[in-house]
Structures are given as C-alpha cells and as structure tokens.
Amino acid sequence: MEVVKVCCLKHIYPDKTEVSLCGLDFVVQKGQRVVVLGANGSGKTTLLSHVLGLLCPVEGQVEVVGKQPYKQFNEVRKHLGVVFQNVDEQIIGPTVYDDIAFTAKNDKMPKDEISERVNAIAKTLKIESLLEKIPHYLSGGQKKKVALAGAMVTDPDILILDEPFDSLDPRSKWEMVDYLNQLNQEKNTSLIITTHDINVVPKIADVVYVIDKGVFKTKGNPEEVFSQIEILKEANLEAPLLTDLFARLRNKGYDLNVPISVEDAEREILKVLQGQ
C-alpha cells in the first residue's frame, strides 16, 4: 500500500525561487525504509516540506495516506512524526519530559498513558536521566534523541527524519540505527530519511533515491544504487569506499561482487583467496 506519493511537483518560494522535483515518482510503501541521498541544494528539504504539508505545490501531486498534506493538514498530521535537521526548531518544552509529551498532550491523551509512553521511549533511547533537564542545555546528540522521542510518542505510521545522524557520536549513531530498525520491524513504521552519511545507508534502507538539482536520478536497493558510481558522482555524492575499491578491482579483472558492507567485502575477499 502506498503511504506517500510525490509526482513531478513544482514550488515557487516567496523570493521567486522556483524548485521542481521531477524524474522518477517518489513512492513510499507501508513499512518501507526509504533513504533520499542528495547534496545540499538538491531538493531534499523541498521534498520533505511538501510531504509534511508545510508547502503547497504549484504543480504536481503530493499524497500522504491518500490525502493532500497542505489542504488536509490536520488529518495527515496524525499519521506523521518528524525530526528536523535543526532540532532546536522543534524542542520547545520547559523540560525534556514536557517536550516529549507535547504532542500527546495536544491530542488529549490521558495523563497516565502519556507518562507510560514518555518513560518507555526514554528508557529505549537511554535518556531517562534527562527527563527533568532543561532541553536548552543538552548536547546536540541528546537533543536529537529528545526530538526523536517526541516524534514517536504518539506511534505515527510514518516517521520523517532529516539528517538524523548529524551531531551523533559513532556509538549513538548506531544505537539510533538499531532503534529505527526495531521500530520498523515491530510496528511496521514507514521511514523516510535524508542523510549524507552514505555508510549508514545499507543498514537502514530498503529503497534509496538519488536526487540532484530537483531530479530523481535513480532508485533501487543500496547495492543497485551504489553500483552506479557515475550517477553518484554527477549528483556530487561519493560512493562508499568499499564500493569504489571493489569497482576498481573488478575493472582490473577480479571476479568480485561489489559489497555494501564490511561483512560482504570480507566474504568476497575470502572467496578469491580460497580460490587461489
């Protein structure tokens, strides 16, 4: 079932800047993990803003759960959770607890249920000790976790994350990857993620879109997309180091599949060594 569909939209900003998003249709199926790769200025923010109903397209089609986000904002909002790249723009509670509980309180959820949900998600994200803290004084990584907790407290069907791994140390980054995958598996939550951390993508994506100057250049699973090194370069993206290395080895005549993880690379190298 399609939960998000964007077809060749155009938007004109107040300063008359015109942005078009065309090429392939952008489609997210229920329960899919979708990553959008693109350099700064490629159109990622415009895409997410339309999906969230923050912008209205001049042309084209934007549908979320079968509705038009801008025109049916209140109906669509209930299905969405979002973590913005600059989380300071969305953290507004006087304490971490209040901030995580904000949407649930607005939705008139019973206090006992709010408390149960806030404490449960804080435990999962390992931020229980922060619940009485003032968000303003938290580190960037802690704020990111607080924003994620606030986005998930109402169990949205679709979670949108704009550069969610920025400002996270390596351990926290992989903990967040594990949490998002657990969320996807246990609750069938659809994920839409923009990131420039290309090495995370194989661990977090079913489908990858590459966008460049408003054009969706290609899509596929991580292996399919990462093998298109020229398209990545045209979009000002660097292929993962393993992908680049193994593509070079293939060009020199070695019978190797291009890996998307260290584990895949290890298997390919052992296959060649054992065959000698």
Protein backbone atom coordinates (compact mmCIF):
# COMPACT_ATOMS: atom_id res chain seq x y z
CA MET A 1 0.00 0.00 0.00
CA GLU A 2 1.37 3.43 -0.95
CA VAL A 3 1.51 5.79 2.02
CA VAL A 4 3.41 8.60 0.26
CA LYS A 5 3.46 9.58 -3.41
CA VAL A 6 5.08 12.64 -5.00
CA CYS A 7 4.80 13.16 -8.75
CA CYS A 8 6.68 15.93 -10.58
CA LEU A 9 5.88 18.82 -8.28
CA LYS A 10 6.85 22.46 -8.65
CA HIS A 11 7.07 25.06 -5.91
CA ILE A 12 7.76 28.80 -6.04
CA TYR A 13 9.20 30.34 -2.88
CA PRO A 14 8.33 33.92 -1.82
CA ASP A 15 11.63 35.22 -3.25
CA LYS A 16 10.53 33.79 -6.65
CA THR A 17 12.98 30.88 -6.43
CA GLU A 18 11.43 28.04 -8.41
CA VAL A 19 12.08 24.43 -7.45
CA SER A 20 10.88 21.44 -9.44
CA LEU A 21 11.09 17.80 -8.38
CA CYS A 22 10.68 15.51 -11.36
CA GLY A 23 12.20 12.45 -12.95
CA LEU A 24 11.05 9.33 -11.11
CA ASP A 25 7.93 9.35 -8.94
CA PHE A 26 8.81 9.31 -5.24
CA VAL A 27 6.82 6.48 -3.66
CA VAL A 28 6.90 5.01 -0.15
CA GLN A 29 5.09 1.76 0.58
CA LYS A 30 3.71 0.89 4.01
CA GLY A 31 6.53 -0.36 6.22
CA GLN A 32 9.32 0.62 3.82
CA ARG A 33 12.59 2.23 4.88
CA VAL A 34 13.35 4.87 2.25
CA VAL A 35 16.51 6.96 2.13
CA VAL A 36 16.93 10.08 0.00
CA LEU A 37 20.52 10.93 -0.95
CA GLY A 38 21.41 14.32 -2.35
CA ALA A 39 23.90 17.13 -1.95
CA ASN A 40 22.98 20.49 -0.40
CA GLY A 41 20.52 22.31 -2.64
CA SER A 42 19.39 19.13 -4.41
CA GLY A 43 15.76 19.46 -3.35
CA LYS A 44 15.60 17.20 -0.27
CA THR A 45 14.19 19.91 2.02
CA THR A 46 11.58 20.92 -0.55
CA LEU A 47 10.50 17.28 -0.85
CA LEU A 48 10.11 16.79 2.89
CA SER A 49 8.34 20.13 3.35
CA HIS A 50 5.67 19.11 0.83
CA VAL A 51 5.22 15.67 2.38
CA LEU A 52 4.76 17.35 5.78
CA GLY A 53 2.21 19.79 4.39
CA LEU A 54 4.36 22.83 5.14
CA LEU A 55 4.39 23.85 1.46
CA CYS A 56 1.74 23.76 -1.24
CA PRO A 57 2.84 22.71 -4.74
CA VAL A 58 2.12 24.98 -7.67
CA GLU A 59 2.05 21.94 -9.92
CA GLY A 60 2.22 18.19 -9.42
CA GLN A 61 0.82 15.67 -6.99
CA VAL A 62 1.62 15.09 -3.32
CA GLU A 63 -0.32 12.47 -1.39
CA VAL A 64 0.17 11.11 2.12
CA VAL A 65 -2.12 8.28 3.21
CA GLY A 66 -4.29 9.20 0.22
CA LYS A 67 -4.72 12.84 1.28
CA GLN A 68 -3.19 16.16 0.23
CA PRO A 69 -0.96 17.25 3.14
CA TYR A 70 -1.24 21.00 2.66
CA LYS A 71 -5.02 21.03 2.20
CA GLN A 72 -5.79 18.31 4.76
CA PHE A 73 -3.02 19.11 7.22
CA ASN A 74 -4.81 18.16 10.46
CA GLU A 75 -5.85 14.77 9.09
CA VAL A 76 -2.42 13.98 7.71
CA ARG A 77 -0.55 15.26 10.77
CA LYS A 78 -1.89 12.40 12.91
CA HIS A 79 -0.04 9.90 10.72
CA LEU A 80 3.33 11.67 10.78
CA GLY A 81 6.27 12.04 13.13
CA VAL A 82 9.19 14.25 12.19
CA VAL A 83 12.73 15.00 13.34
CA PHE A 84 14.11 18.14 11.71
CA GLN A 85 17.79 18.62 10.93
CA ASN A 86 17.92 21.60 13.30
CA VAL A 87 16.18 20.08 16.31
CA ASP A 88 16.35 23.39 18.21
CA GLU A 89 13.45 24.49 16.00
CA GLN A 90 11.16 21.79 17.39
CA ILE A 91 12.22 21.38 21.02
CA ILE A 92 10.02 23.81 22.94
CA GLY A 93 9.17 22.18 26.29
CA PRO A 94 10.48 23.61 29.59
CA THR A 95 11.77 20.13 30.48
CA VAL A 96 12.65 17.08 28.40
CA TYR A 97 9.59 15.26 29.77
CA ASP A 98 7.29 18.11 28.75
CA ASP A 99 8.81 18.27 25.30
CA ILE A 100 8.41 14.54 24.62
CA ALA A 101 4.84 14.67 25.95
CA PHE A 102 3.84 17.79 23.98
CA THR A 103 2.05 16.15 21.03
CA ALA A 104 0.37 13.55 23.20
CA LYS A 105 -0.98 16.30 25.48
CA ASN A 106 -2.27 18.24 22.47
CA ASP A 107 -4.05 15.08 21.32
CA LYS A 108 -5.80 14.91 24.74
CA MET A 109 -4.23 11.59 25.64
CA PRO A 110 -4.85 10.54 29.28
CA LYS A 111 -2.09 11.61 31.69
CA ASP A 112 -1.32 8.06 32.83
CA GLU A 113 -0.90 6.90 29.25
CA ILE A 114 1.31 9.90 28.43
CA SER A 115 3.53 9.15 31.41
CA GLU A 116 3.78 5.48 30.46
CA ARG A 117 4.69 6.29 26.86
CA VAL A 118 7.22 9.01 27.70
CA ASN A 119 9.03 6.84 30.24
CA ALA A 120 9.03 3.81 27.94
CA ILE A 121 10.52 5.64 24.96
CA ALA A 122 13.02 7.48 27.19
CA LYS A 123 14.20 4.12 28.50
CA THR A 124 14.52 2.70 24.98
CA LEU A 125 16.59 5.70 23.85
CA LYS A 126 18.58 5.73 27.11
CA ILE A 127 17.59 9.27 28.06
CA GLU A 128 15.68 8.56 31.31
CA SER A 129 18.20 10.64 33.24
CA LEU A 130 17.39 13.66 31.09
CA LEU A 131 13.63 13.80 31.68
CA GLU A 132 13.78 16.62 34.25
CA LYS A 133 16.56 18.51 32.47
CA ILE A 134 16.12 21.78 30.57
CA PRO A 135 16.47 20.96 26.83
CA HIS A 136 18.39 24.15 26.06
CA TYR A 137 21.46 22.86 27.94
CA LEU A 138 21.62 19.42 26.30
CA SER A 139 24.25 18.38 23.78
CA GLY A 140 23.37 18.16 20.09
CA GLY A 141 23.17 14.38 20.24
CA GLN A 142 20.94 14.43 23.31
CA LYS A 143 18.62 16.94 21.67
CA LYS A 144 18.38 14.66 18.63
CA LYS A 145 17.23 11.78 20.83
CA VAL A 146 14.70 14.01 22.61
CA ALA A 147 13.27 15.14 19.27
CA LEU A 148 13.02 11.52 18.12
CA ALA A 149 11.24 10.55 21.34
CA GLY A 150 8.78 13.40 20.84
CA ALA A 151 8.15 12.34 17.27
CA MET A 152 7.43 8.74 18.30
CA VAL A 153 5.35 9.25 21.44
CA THR A 154 2.06 9.04 19.51
CA ASP A 155 3.12 6.00 17.41
CA PRO A 156 2.89 7.64 13.94
CA ASP A 157 2.55 5.48 10.83
CA ILE A 158 5.29 7.43 9.02
CA LEU A 159 8.46 8.82 10.55
CA ILE A 160 10.37 11.51 8.64
CA LEU A 161 13.96 12.22 9.63
CA ASP A 162 16.07 14.97 8.08
CA GLU A 163 19.78 14.21 8.57
CA PRO A 164 19.11 12.33 11.83
CA PHE A 165 22.71 11.19 12.35
CA ASP A 166 24.23 14.68 12.41
CA SER A 167 25.88 15.58 15.74
CA LEU A 168 25.78 11.97 16.98
CA ASP A 169 28.93 10.21 18.10
CA PRO A 170 29.54 6.80 16.44
CA ARG A 171 28.02 4.79 19.29
CA SER A 172 24.88 6.94 19.47
CA LYS A 173 24.56 6.82 15.68
CA TRP A 174 24.48 3.04 15.55
CA GLU A 175 22.16 2.91 18.56
CA MET A 176 19.75 5.14 16.65
CA VAL A 177 20.05 2.94 13.56
CA ASP A 178 19.22 -0.10 15.69
CA TYR A 179 16.25 1.70 17.26
CA LEU A 180 14.84 2.79 13.92
CA ASN A 181 15.15 -0.71 12.50
CA GLN A 182 13.49 -2.16 15.60
CA LEU A 183 10.68 0.36 15.25
CA ASN A 184 10.24 -0.56 11.60
CA GLN A 185 10.18 -4.29 12.31
CA GLU A 186 7.95 -4.25 15.38
CA LYS A 187 5.44 -1.57 14.41
CA ASN A 188 5.79 -1.55 10.61
CA THR A 189 6.54 2.18 10.74
CA SER A 190 7.45 3.65 7.37
CA LEU A 191 10.73 5.60 7.45
CA ILE A 192 11.74 8.48 5.19
CA ILE A 193 15.31 9.53 5.89
CA THR A 194 17.56 12.09 4.26
CA THR A 195 21.24 11.70 5.03
CA HIS A 196 24.67 12.42 3.64
CA ASP A 197 26.15 9.66 5.84
CA ILE A 198 26.32 7.21 2.97
CA ASN A 199 27.93 4.45 5.03
CA VAL A 200 24.81 4.16 7.19
CA VAL A 201 22.51 3.59 4.21
CA PRO A 202 22.94 -0.20 3.76
CA LYS A 203 21.90 -0.71 7.40
CA ILE A 204 18.80 1.47 7.26
CA ALA A 205 17.35 1.38 3.73
CA ASP A 206 15.13 -0.88 1.65
CA VAL A 207 14.94 1.71 -1.14
CA VAL A 208 17.36 4.54 -1.96
CA TYR A 209 16.57 7.57 -4.13
CA VAL A 210 19.29 9.83 -5.52
CA ILE A 211 18.21 13.40 -6.16
CA ASP A 212 20.26 16.04 -7.98
CA LYS A 213 19.11 19.59 -8.71
CA GLY A 214 15.46 18.63 -8.40
CA VAL A 215 15.67 15.46 -10.49
CA PHE A 216 15.35 11.95 -9.10
CA LYS A 217 18.22 10.31 -10.98
CA THR A 218 17.81 6.72 -9.86
CA LYS A 219 16.31 4.46 -7.26
CA GLY A 220 16.81 0.90 -6.06
CA ASN A 221 18.14 -1.08 -3.15
CA PRO A 222 21.51 0.06 -1.72
CA GLU A 223 23.50 -2.43 -3.78
CA GLU A 224 21.85 -1.33 -7.03
CA VAL A 225 22.27 2.39 -6.31
CA PHE A 226 25.84 2.21 -5.01
CA SER A 227 26.95 0.31 -8.10
CA GLN A 228 26.00 3.37 -10.21
CA ILE A 229 29.14 5.27 -9.31
CA GLU A 230 28.92 7.74 -12.21
CA ILE A 231 25.39 8.79 -11.22
CA LEU A 232 26.54 9.32 -7.64
CA LYS A 233 29.44 11.47 -8.84
CA GLU A 234 27.13 13.53 -11.07
CA ALA A 235 24.98 14.17 -8.00
CA ASN A 236 28.05 15.32 -6.04
CA LEU A 237 27.92 12.23 -3.84
CA GLU A 238 30.81 9.95 -3.02
CA ALA A 239 30.29 6.22 -3.34
CA PRO A 240 31.18 4.26 -0.19
CA LEU A 241 34.88 3.48 -0.05
CA LEU A 242 34.26 -0.26 -0.28
CA THR A 243 32.10 0.19 -3.36
CA ASP A 244 34.70 2.33 -5.07
CA LEU A 245 37.53 -0.05 -4.17
CA PHE A 246 35.77 -3.18 -5.39
CA ALA A 247 34.61 -1.47 -8.59
CA ARG A 248 38.26 -0.65 -9.30
CA LEU A 249 39.25 -4.28 -8.65
CA ARG A 250 36.50 -5.50 -10.99
CA ASN A 251 37.83 -3.19 -13.70
CA LYS A 252 41.22 -4.88 -13.26
CA GLY A 253 39.66 -8.27 -13.96
CA TYR A 254 38.96 -9.64 -10.49
CA ASP A 255 35.71 -11.64 -10.25
CA LEU A 256 34.23 -9.79 -7.28
CA ASN A 257 30.73 -8.66 -6.45
CA VAL A 258 30.55 -5.07 -5.26
CA PRO A 259 29.83 -5.15 -1.50
CA ILE A 260 27.68 -2.78 0.52
CA SER A 261 29.02 -3.76 3.94
CA VAL A 262 32.28 -4.84 5.56
CA GLU A 263 30.79 -8.32 6.01
CA ASP A 264 30.06 -8.57 2.27
CA ALA A 265 33.59 -7.40 1.47
CA GLU A 266 35.10 -10.00 3.78
CA ARG A 267 33.16 -12.78 2.05
CA GLU A 268 34.21 -11.60 -1.41
CA ILE A 269 37.90 -11.38 -0.45
CA LEU A 270 37.84 -14.81 1.19
CA LYS A 271 36.17 -16.25 -1.91
CA VAL A 272 39.05 -15.03 -4.08
CA LEU A 273 41.77 -16.08 -1.62
CA GLN A 274 40.29 -19.54 -1.16
CA GLY A 275 40.06 -19.97 -4.91
CA GLN A 276 43.77 -19.35 -5.41
